[in-house]
Protein backbone atom coordinates (compact mmCIF):
# COMPACT_ATOMS: atom_id res chain seq x y z
CA MET A 1 31.47 19.31 -2.02
CA THR A 2 31.42 16.79 0.82
CA GLN A 3 33.02 13.79 -0.01
CA LYS A 4 30.81 11.67 2.21
CA THR A 5 29.30 8.24 0.90
CA ILE A 6 26.05 7.07 1.49
CA ALA A 7 24.14 3.66 1.24
CA ILE A 8 21.35 3.16 0.39
CA ILE A 9 19.65 -0.37 0.46
CA GLY A 10 16.69 -0.95 -1.46
CA GLY A 11 15.41 1.33 -4.38
CA GLY A 12 11.57 1.85 -3.79
CA PRO A 13 9.93 4.98 -3.82
CA ALA A 14 10.87 5.64 -0.23
CA GLY A 15 14.87 4.90 -1.04
CA LEU A 16 14.84 6.26 -4.45
CA MET A 17 13.69 9.76 -2.68
CA ALA A 18 16.12 9.28 -0.26
CA ALA A 19 18.82 9.35 -2.90
CA GLU A 20 17.94 12.22 -4.97
CA ARG A 21 17.37 14.34 -1.77
CA LEU A 22 21.04 13.03 -0.76
CA ALA A 23 22.85 13.41 -4.14
CA GLN A 24 21.35 17.01 -4.32
CA ALA A 25 22.47 18.08 -1.40
CA GLY A 26 25.89 17.07 -3.13
CA PHE A 27 26.64 13.64 -1.03
CA ARG A 28 28.19 10.87 -2.42
CA VAL A 29 25.05 8.54 -2.93
CA ASP A 30 25.29 4.65 -3.93
CA LEU A 31 22.36 2.65 -4.50
CA TYR A 32 22.39 -1.52 -4.14
CA ASP A 33 18.71 -3.18 -4.92
CA ALA A 34 18.55 -6.76 -4.84
CA MET A 35 16.77 -7.02 -8.26
CA PRO A 36 17.92 -6.38 -12.20
CA SER A 37 15.66 -2.88 -11.94
CA VAL A 38 14.57 -1.31 -9.47
CA GLY A 39 11.61 0.28 -8.56
CA ARG A 40 9.60 -3.12 -9.60
CA LYS A 41 6.71 -2.98 -7.27
CA PHE A 42 5.92 0.53 -7.87
CA LEU A 43 5.88 -0.23 -11.86
CA LEU A 44 3.43 -3.36 -11.07
CA ALA A 45 0.83 -1.57 -9.08
CA GLY A 46 1.36 1.45 -12.16
CA LYS A 47 0.16 -0.84 -14.61
CA GLY A 48 -3.67 -0.39 -14.31
CA GLY A 49 -2.84 3.07 -13.42
CA LEU A 50 -0.57 4.96 -11.09
CA ASN A 51 -2.68 6.32 -8.08
CA LEU A 52 0.13 8.75 -7.19
CA THR A 53 -1.69 10.24 -3.98
CA HIS A 54 -5.24 11.77 -3.15
CA SER A 55 -6.06 15.39 -3.52
CA GLU A 56 -8.60 15.58 0.11
CA PRO A 57 -7.16 18.15 2.24
CA LEU A 58 -3.87 17.70 3.87
CA PRO A 59 -5.80 17.18 7.79
CA ARG A 60 -7.94 14.67 6.34
CA PHE A 61 -5.47 13.12 4.56
CA ILE A 62 -2.72 12.91 7.95
CA SER A 63 -6.17 11.78 9.15
CA ARG A 64 -6.16 8.49 6.73
CA TYR A 65 -2.72 7.39 9.48
CA GLY A 66 -4.84 5.76 11.92
CA LYS A 67 -2.91 5.56 14.71
CA ASP A 68 0.17 6.42 13.07
CA ALA A 69 -1.33 9.94 12.14
CA GLU A 70 0.08 11.93 14.73
CA ARG A 71 3.82 10.74 13.91
CA PHE A 72 3.24 11.10 10.26
CA ALA A 73 2.14 14.52 10.21
CA PRO A 74 5.22 16.28 10.04
CA TRP A 75 6.28 13.99 7.08
CA LEU A 76 3.34 14.42 5.07
CA GLU A 77 3.51 18.70 5.64
CA ALA A 78 7.07 18.48 4.83
CA PHE A 79 6.60 16.71 1.88
CA GLY A 80 3.06 15.91 0.95
CA PRO A 81 0.27 15.57 -1.83
CA GLU A 82 0.49 18.74 -3.11
CA GLN A 83 4.78 18.77 -2.74
CA LEU A 84 4.25 15.28 -4.64
CA ARG A 85 2.24 16.26 -7.41
CA ALA A 86 4.67 19.62 -7.97
CA TRP A 87 7.73 17.44 -7.66
CA ALA A 88 6.01 14.77 -10.11
CA ALA A 89 5.10 17.57 -12.58
CA GLY A 90 9.47 18.60 -12.22
CA LEU A 91 9.97 15.58 -13.59
CA GLY A 92 7.61 16.25 -17.08
CA VAL A 93 4.97 14.50 -15.09
CA GLU A 94 1.67 16.41 -15.18
CA THR A 95 -1.23 14.65 -12.78
CA PHE A 96 -4.83 15.19 -13.05
CA VAL A 97 -7.46 14.71 -9.93
CA GLY A 98 -10.17 11.97 -10.76
CA THR A 99 -13.65 11.72 -9.51
CA SER A 100 -12.85 9.89 -6.80
CA GLY A 101 -10.01 12.60 -5.62
CA ARG A 102 -7.38 10.11 -6.13
CA VAL A 103 -4.49 11.81 -8.13
CA PHE A 104 -3.34 10.49 -11.29
CA PRO A 105 -0.56 10.63 -14.25
CA GLN A 106 -1.81 12.52 -16.81
CA GLU A 107 -0.49 9.25 -19.10
CA PHE A 108 -2.20 7.09 -16.26
CA LYS A 109 0.73 4.57 -16.18
CA SER A 110 3.68 4.42 -13.80
CA ALA A 111 6.76 3.38 -16.40
CA PRO A 112 7.07 7.29 -17.60
CA LEU A 113 7.80 8.70 -14.15
CA MET A 114 10.14 5.79 -13.44
CA ARG A 115 12.19 6.63 -16.15
CA ALA A 116 12.09 10.22 -15.76
CA TRP A 117 12.95 9.92 -11.95
CA VAL A 118 16.09 7.14 -12.12
CA ARG A 119 17.09 9.61 -15.18
CA ARG A 120 17.44 12.49 -13.24
CA LEU A 121 19.03 10.72 -10.25
CA ARG A 122 21.82 9.22 -12.15
CA GLN A 123 22.07 12.84 -14.23
CA LEU A 124 22.95 13.89 -10.24
CA GLY A 125 25.13 11.16 -10.14
CA VAL A 126 23.59 8.26 -8.04
CA ARG A 127 25.36 4.72 -8.75
CA PHE A 128 23.35 2.06 -9.21
CA HIS A 129 24.20 -1.55 -8.61
CA ALA A 130 21.55 -3.86 -9.30
CA ASN A 131 21.44 -7.72 -8.18
CA SER A 132 23.49 -6.76 -4.49
CA LYS A 133 21.38 -8.31 -2.04
CA LEU A 134 22.89 -7.36 1.74
CA LEU A 135 23.93 -10.29 3.47
CA ARG A 136 25.03 -9.03 6.77
CA LEU A 137 25.17 -5.79 8.88
CA SER A 138 28.43 -5.73 10.75
CA ASP A 139 30.05 -3.36 13.10
CA ASN A 140 31.10 0.08 12.02
CA ASN A 141 28.57 0.85 9.99
CA ILE A 142 30.34 -2.19 7.65
CA LEU A 143 28.12 -4.01 4.74
CA GLU A 144 28.56 -7.18 3.48
CA LEU A 145 26.37 -7.86 -0.49
CA ILE A 146 26.91 -10.99 -2.97
CA GLY A 147 26.46 -9.20 -6.00
CA LYS A 148 26.80 -10.78 -9.71
CA GLN A 149 30.72 -11.40 -8.93
CA GLY A 150 30.59 -12.66 -5.58
CA LYS A 151 30.50 -11.26 -2.11
CA PHE A 152 31.69 -7.93 -1.53
CA THR A 153 31.87 -5.05 1.14
CA ILE A 154 30.92 -2.00 1.86
CA HIS A 155 31.81 1.10 4.26
CA PRO A 156 30.22 4.53 3.93
CA ASP A 157 29.67 7.22 6.72
CA ALA A 158 25.70 6.41 6.21
CA THR A 159 24.07 3.47 5.08
CA LEU A 160 19.86 4.01 4.41
CA LEU A 161 17.55 0.93 5.01
CA ALA A 162 14.63 1.18 2.48
CA MET A 163 14.22 -2.61 1.96
CA GLY A 164 10.26 -2.54 1.05
CA GLY A 165 8.16 -4.72 3.23
CA ALA A 166 7.23 -8.72 3.11
CA SER A 167 4.70 -8.40 0.53
CA TRP A 168 5.34 -9.56 -3.12
CA PRO A 169 8.18 -11.28 -3.37
CA ARG A 170 9.14 -11.77 -6.66
CA LEU A 171 8.87 -8.14 -7.06
CA GLY A 172 12.48 -7.93 -3.86
CA SER A 173 10.09 -7.45 -1.04
CA ASP A 174 10.45 -10.71 0.95
CA GLY A 175 11.27 -9.56 4.58
CA GLY A 176 13.87 -11.35 4.28
CA TRP A 177 16.09 -8.44 6.01
CA ALA A 178 14.04 -9.12 9.69
CA GLY A 179 16.72 -11.41 10.14
CA LEU A 180 19.85 -9.25 9.81
CA LEU A 181 17.71 -6.58 11.76
CA GLU A 182 17.17 -9.25 14.80
CA GLY A 183 20.62 -10.26 14.78
CA ILE A 184 22.07 -7.00 16.62
CA GLY A 185 18.73 -6.54 18.71
CA CYS A 186 16.18 -4.97 17.20
CA GLN A 187 12.61 -5.60 17.83
CA LEU A 188 10.30 -6.04 14.78
CA ALA A 189 6.17 -5.97 14.44
CA PRO A 190 5.14 -9.68 12.97
CA PHE A 191 4.42 -9.15 9.70
CA ARG A 192 0.79 -8.95 8.58
CA PRO A 193 -1.38 -8.80 5.39
CA ALA A 194 -2.42 -5.48 4.43
CA ASN A 195 -4.61 -3.97 1.64
CA CYS A 196 -5.60 -7.45 1.06
CA GLY A 197 -8.38 -9.84 -0.02
CA PHE A 198 -10.49 -12.06 2.17
CA LEU A 199 -11.68 -15.54 2.40
CA VAL A 200 -15.35 -16.62 2.42
CA GLY A 201 -16.98 -19.67 1.82
CA TRP A 202 -18.84 -19.27 -1.21
CA SER A 203 -20.98 -22.87 -2.12
CA SER A 204 -20.91 -23.76 -6.06
CA TYR A 205 -23.66 -21.15 -6.87
CA MET A 206 -21.42 -18.58 -6.90
CA GLN A 207 -18.32 -20.02 -9.40
CA PRO A 208 -20.48 -18.11 -12.55
CA HIS A 209 -19.45 -15.46 -10.84
CA PHE A 210 -16.02 -15.03 -10.19
CA GLY A 211 -14.22 -12.32 -10.86
CA SER A 212 -17.58 -10.10 -11.75
CA PRO A 213 -17.27 -6.36 -10.33
CA LEU A 214 -19.74 -5.55 -7.72
CA LYS A 215 -19.56 -1.46 -8.85
CA THR A 216 -21.56 1.00 -6.12
CA ILE A 217 -21.81 -0.58 -2.99
CA ALA A 218 -21.65 0.99 -0.05
CA LEU A 219 -19.50 -1.13 3.26
CA THR A 220 -20.18 -1.37 6.79
CA PHE A 221 -17.90 -3.23 9.39
CA GLN A 222 -17.51 -1.60 13.07
CA GLY A 223 -19.06 1.26 12.30
CA ARG A 224 -17.56 2.81 9.62
CA ARG A 225 -19.69 3.02 6.20
CA LEU A 226 -17.45 3.50 3.17
CA LYS A 227 -18.79 3.75 -0.59
CA GLY A 228 -17.01 1.66 -3.31
CA GLU A 229 -16.43 -1.39 -5.54
CA ALA A 230 -15.08 -5.02 -4.97
CA LEU A 231 -14.56 -8.11 -6.90
CA VAL A 232 -15.58 -11.28 -6.00
CA THR A 233 -13.26 -14.27 -6.74
CA ASP A 234 -13.09 -17.80 -6.06
CA TYR A 235 -11.84 -17.47 -3.04
CA GLY A 236 -13.95 -14.64 -1.80
CA ILE A 237 -13.66 -10.91 -2.27
CA GLU A 238 -11.46 -8.36 -2.56
CA GLY A 239 -10.97 -4.86 -4.13
CA SER A 240 -9.96 -0.72 -3.02
CA ALA A 241 -13.73 -1.03 -0.64
CA ILE A 242 -12.02 -4.00 1.16
CA TYR A 243 -8.99 -3.05 1.51
CA ALA A 244 -9.73 0.35 3.21
CA LEU A 245 -11.13 -1.94 5.95
CA SER A 246 -8.62 -4.72 5.13
CA ALA A 247 -6.80 -3.68 8.88
CA ALA A 248 -9.97 -3.69 10.62
CA LEU A 249 -11.12 -7.05 9.30
CA ARG A 250 -7.70 -8.57 9.41
CA ASP A 251 -7.76 -7.62 13.41
CA ALA A 252 -11.08 -8.97 14.32
CA ILE A 253 -10.61 -12.14 12.34
CA GLU A 254 -7.36 -12.81 14.52
CA ALA A 255 -9.50 -11.63 17.30
CA GLU A 256 -12.50 -13.93 16.97
CA GLY A 257 -12.16 -16.08 13.99
CA GLU A 258 -14.35 -14.10 11.83
CA ALA A 259 -15.55 -10.84 10.63
CA ILE A 260 -19.22 -9.85 9.17
CA LEU A 261 -19.40 -7.43 6.49
CA THR A 262 -22.14 -5.84 5.42
CA LEU A 263 -22.47 -5.11 1.85
CA ASP A 264 -25.54 -2.34 1.07
CA LEU A 265 -26.07 -3.19 -3.19
CA LYS A 266 -28.36 -0.25 -3.53
CA PRO A 267 -26.43 2.84 -1.52
CA ASP A 268 -28.30 5.61 -3.37
CA LEU A 269 -31.75 3.49 -2.22
CA SER A 270 -33.47 3.99 1.26
CA LEU A 271 -35.04 1.08 2.66
CA GLU A 272 -38.27 2.71 2.32
CA ALA A 273 -37.60 2.92 -1.95
CA VAL A 274 -36.00 -0.23 -1.82
CA HIS A 275 -39.12 -1.60 -0.20
CA GLU A 276 -41.68 0.27 -2.87
CA LYS A 277 -39.76 -0.52 -5.85
CA LEU A 278 -40.08 -4.40 -4.77
CA SER A 279 -43.47 -4.30 -3.53
CA ARG A 280 -44.56 -3.33 -7.09
CA PRO A 281 -46.10 -6.67 -9.31
CA ARG A 282 -43.41 -9.12 -10.33
CA GLY A 283 -45.96 -10.63 -12.94
CA ARG A 284 -44.33 -13.05 -14.72
CA LEU A 285 -40.89 -12.69 -13.94
CA SER A 286 -38.36 -14.62 -12.83
CA LEU A 287 -36.97 -13.60 -9.07
CA SER A 288 -33.53 -12.84 -10.85
CA ASN A 289 -35.38 -11.11 -13.88
CA TRP A 290 -38.01 -9.20 -11.22
CA LEU A 291 -34.68 -8.18 -9.03
CA ARG A 292 -32.76 -7.28 -12.33
CA LYS A 293 -35.98 -4.74 -13.66
CA ALA A 294 -36.56 -3.63 -10.28
CA LEU A 295 -33.82 -2.13 -9.13
CA GLY A 296 -30.83 -2.63 -11.11
CA LEU A 297 -28.76 -5.42 -9.53
CA SER A 298 -25.72 -6.94 -11.38
CA PRO A 299 -26.10 -10.97 -12.02
CA VAL A 300 -23.70 -11.27 -9.09
CA ALA A 301 -25.24 -8.54 -6.86
CA ILE A 302 -28.97 -10.92 -7.01
CA ALA A 303 -26.38 -14.34 -6.86
CA LEU A 304 -25.09 -12.51 -3.61
CA ILE A 305 -28.51 -12.49 -2.55
CA HIS A 306 -29.22 -15.86 -3.24
CA GLU A 307 -25.63 -16.86 -1.08
CA CYS A 308 -26.09 -14.48 2.11
CA GLY A 309 -29.64 -13.71 2.62
CA GLN A 310 -33.26 -13.36 1.35
CA PRO A 311 -34.62 -10.90 -1.69
CA THR A 312 -36.04 -8.60 0.70
CA ALA A 313 -35.10 -4.79 0.83
CA GLU A 314 -33.54 -5.33 4.81
CA SER A 315 -31.76 -7.74 3.04
CA LEU A 316 -30.77 -5.59 0.05
CA LYS A 317 -29.38 -3.14 2.49
CA ALA A 318 -27.81 -4.92 4.64
CA LEU A 319 -25.93 -8.34 3.34
CA PRO A 320 -23.99 -10.01 5.56
CA LEU A 321 -21.03 -11.42 4.20
CA ARG A 322 -18.74 -13.74 6.53
CA LEU A 323 -14.99 -13.71 5.93
CA THR A 324 -13.15 -16.04 7.71
CA ALA A 325 -9.36 -15.24 7.40
CA ALA A 326 -6.82 -13.20 4.87
CA ARG A 327 -5.05 -13.98 1.95
CA PRO A 328 -1.43 -14.77 2.30
CA ILE A 329 0.67 -11.99 2.76
CA ALA A 330 2.62 -12.98 -0.74
CA GLU A 331 -0.36 -11.75 -2.24
CA ALA A 332 -1.06 -8.92 0.12
CA ILE A 333 -0.50 -5.03 -1.79
CA SER A 334 1.61 -4.88 1.39
CA THR A 335 2.24 -5.71 4.80
CA ALA A 336 1.32 -4.27 8.36
CA GLY A 337 4.25 -5.02 10.77
CA GLY A 338 8.25 -4.86 10.63
CA LEU A 339 10.59 -2.81 12.51
CA ARG A 340 8.86 -1.03 15.51
CA PHE A 341 9.35 2.81 15.37
CA GLU A 342 10.69 2.39 19.42
CA GLU A 343 14.46 1.82 17.89
CA LEU A 344 14.56 4.79 15.74
CA ASP A 345 15.36 8.24 16.91
CA GLY A 346 13.75 11.45 15.57
CA ASN A 347 15.90 11.06 12.33
CA PHE A 348 15.00 7.55 11.23
CA MET A 349 18.69 6.05 12.85
CA LEU A 350 18.33 2.71 14.38
CA THR A 351 19.79 3.36 18.30
CA ARG A 352 21.43 0.86 18.42
CA ARG A 353 23.56 1.28 15.51
CA PRO A 354 24.37 4.77 15.10
CA GLY A 355 24.97 5.58 10.97
CA LEU A 356 22.01 3.21 10.43
CA PHE A 357 19.17 4.57 9.31
CA ALA A 358 15.62 2.79 8.38
CA ALA A 359 12.44 4.04 6.27
CA GLY A 360 9.48 3.25 4.29
CA GLU A 361 7.44 -0.11 4.36
CA MET A 362 10.22 -2.08 6.30
CA LEU A 363 8.87 0.18 9.10
CA ASP A 364 5.71 -1.15 11.38
CA TRP A 365 2.93 0.77 9.62
CA GLU A 366 0.16 1.00 7.58
CA ALA A 367 -2.14 2.79 5.12
CA THR A 368 -4.63 2.07 2.83
CA THR A 369 -4.51 1.77 -1.44
CA GLY A 370 -6.01 5.42 -2.58
CA GLY A 371 -2.39 7.09 -2.40
CA TYR A 372 -1.65 6.92 1.08
CA LEU A 373 0.78 4.13 1.16
CA LEU A 374 3.23 5.87 -1.70
CA THR A 375 2.94 8.96 0.24
CA GLY A 376 3.93 7.43 2.97
CA CYS A 377 6.97 5.75 1.60
CA ILE A 378 7.69 8.78 -0.29
CA SER A 379 7.31 11.60 2.76
CA GLN A 380 9.48 8.70 4.61
CA GLY A 381 12.23 9.00 1.95
CA VAL A 382 12.35 12.62 2.35
CA ALA A 383 12.43 12.98 6.08
CA ALA A 384 15.30 9.81 6.26
CA ALA A 385 17.06 12.11 3.77
CA LYS A 386 17.28 14.98 6.23
CA GLY A 387 18.18 13.00 9.26
CA ILE A 388 21.36 11.30 7.19
CA GLU A 389 21.93 15.04 6.37
CA GLU A 390 22.47 16.46 10.00
CA TRP A 391 23.48 13.50 11.48
CA LEU A 392 26.36 13.23 9.39
CA LYS A 393 27.23 17.73 9.44
């Protein structure tokens, strides 16, 4: 068994998976995290139900990574949705496919999976160092950190940086590492919010409906249409369907100052069918009650019609919603931007620093929620571990 040592900085999914693979390969692995425990963002994301991955065919799954799909293809072919489900089963966590095709643990929560994962890592000999923050990257792969006992240095044979993006700073992903990499000459793409909500200039009329969900709607933007759900908030709108379009919406707002999102409040009815229902006699019903009875619209959907359009079939099928800004990075689920892939070789190693590797959300890519973000991070952890092993050998 080799005595070579590997330091992993960051205890998120990419770092944990790399630690597992490298420990299984016989390396001595030390994992450092700035927080008191690992996987904090992972645990919070799974409080309402951990969306582990997606069950769609792999070519379709790979296409979800947009401009980076070709880059992700070999990583996901080596460790994609099927392998991820098998890995979870090996930890004693069985999964199931929901009606939307998303994959969840049977217990639905993330905590049981994280406990089993950390237990396996400890059994493999991975040593955890909590409350240990990276301060400096020196020459010859020497790292300076600070922990509860003060500053200390380490000199591993290889180091993997897996410190996350810049969202959820209270959970440790604050992007503070950017200055360290820029200090050694690395090029970074600016951080931008991803999988985020957007600002809408609501009138006071919408206030009673803040926090109300919009169920079974369809959203259209730049020719892309998808069904899903959204949530009306005091600042605007968010939710899974919004997140799926967030990259395009964000880019449009940055370029043009706003984005017009089109809502179909009755996606399962044709325009003609909506026309027919609205042509029936209204009688003594108020407009809101008439819309509720004729079309089964929720109060928040009816309020949106008053806010953004008219009670016509055309408006119900194509309601324009003006978005003016993305929510701040600190409130986003994830971030775009980070260390550019051009700084890495094919093994995830920084070309400027032999022996220093990087993976996970700190790299410049983005993916939507729905299992794509998490699977992407874990697949990179597997690939980076392979790259480290090949380099050390």
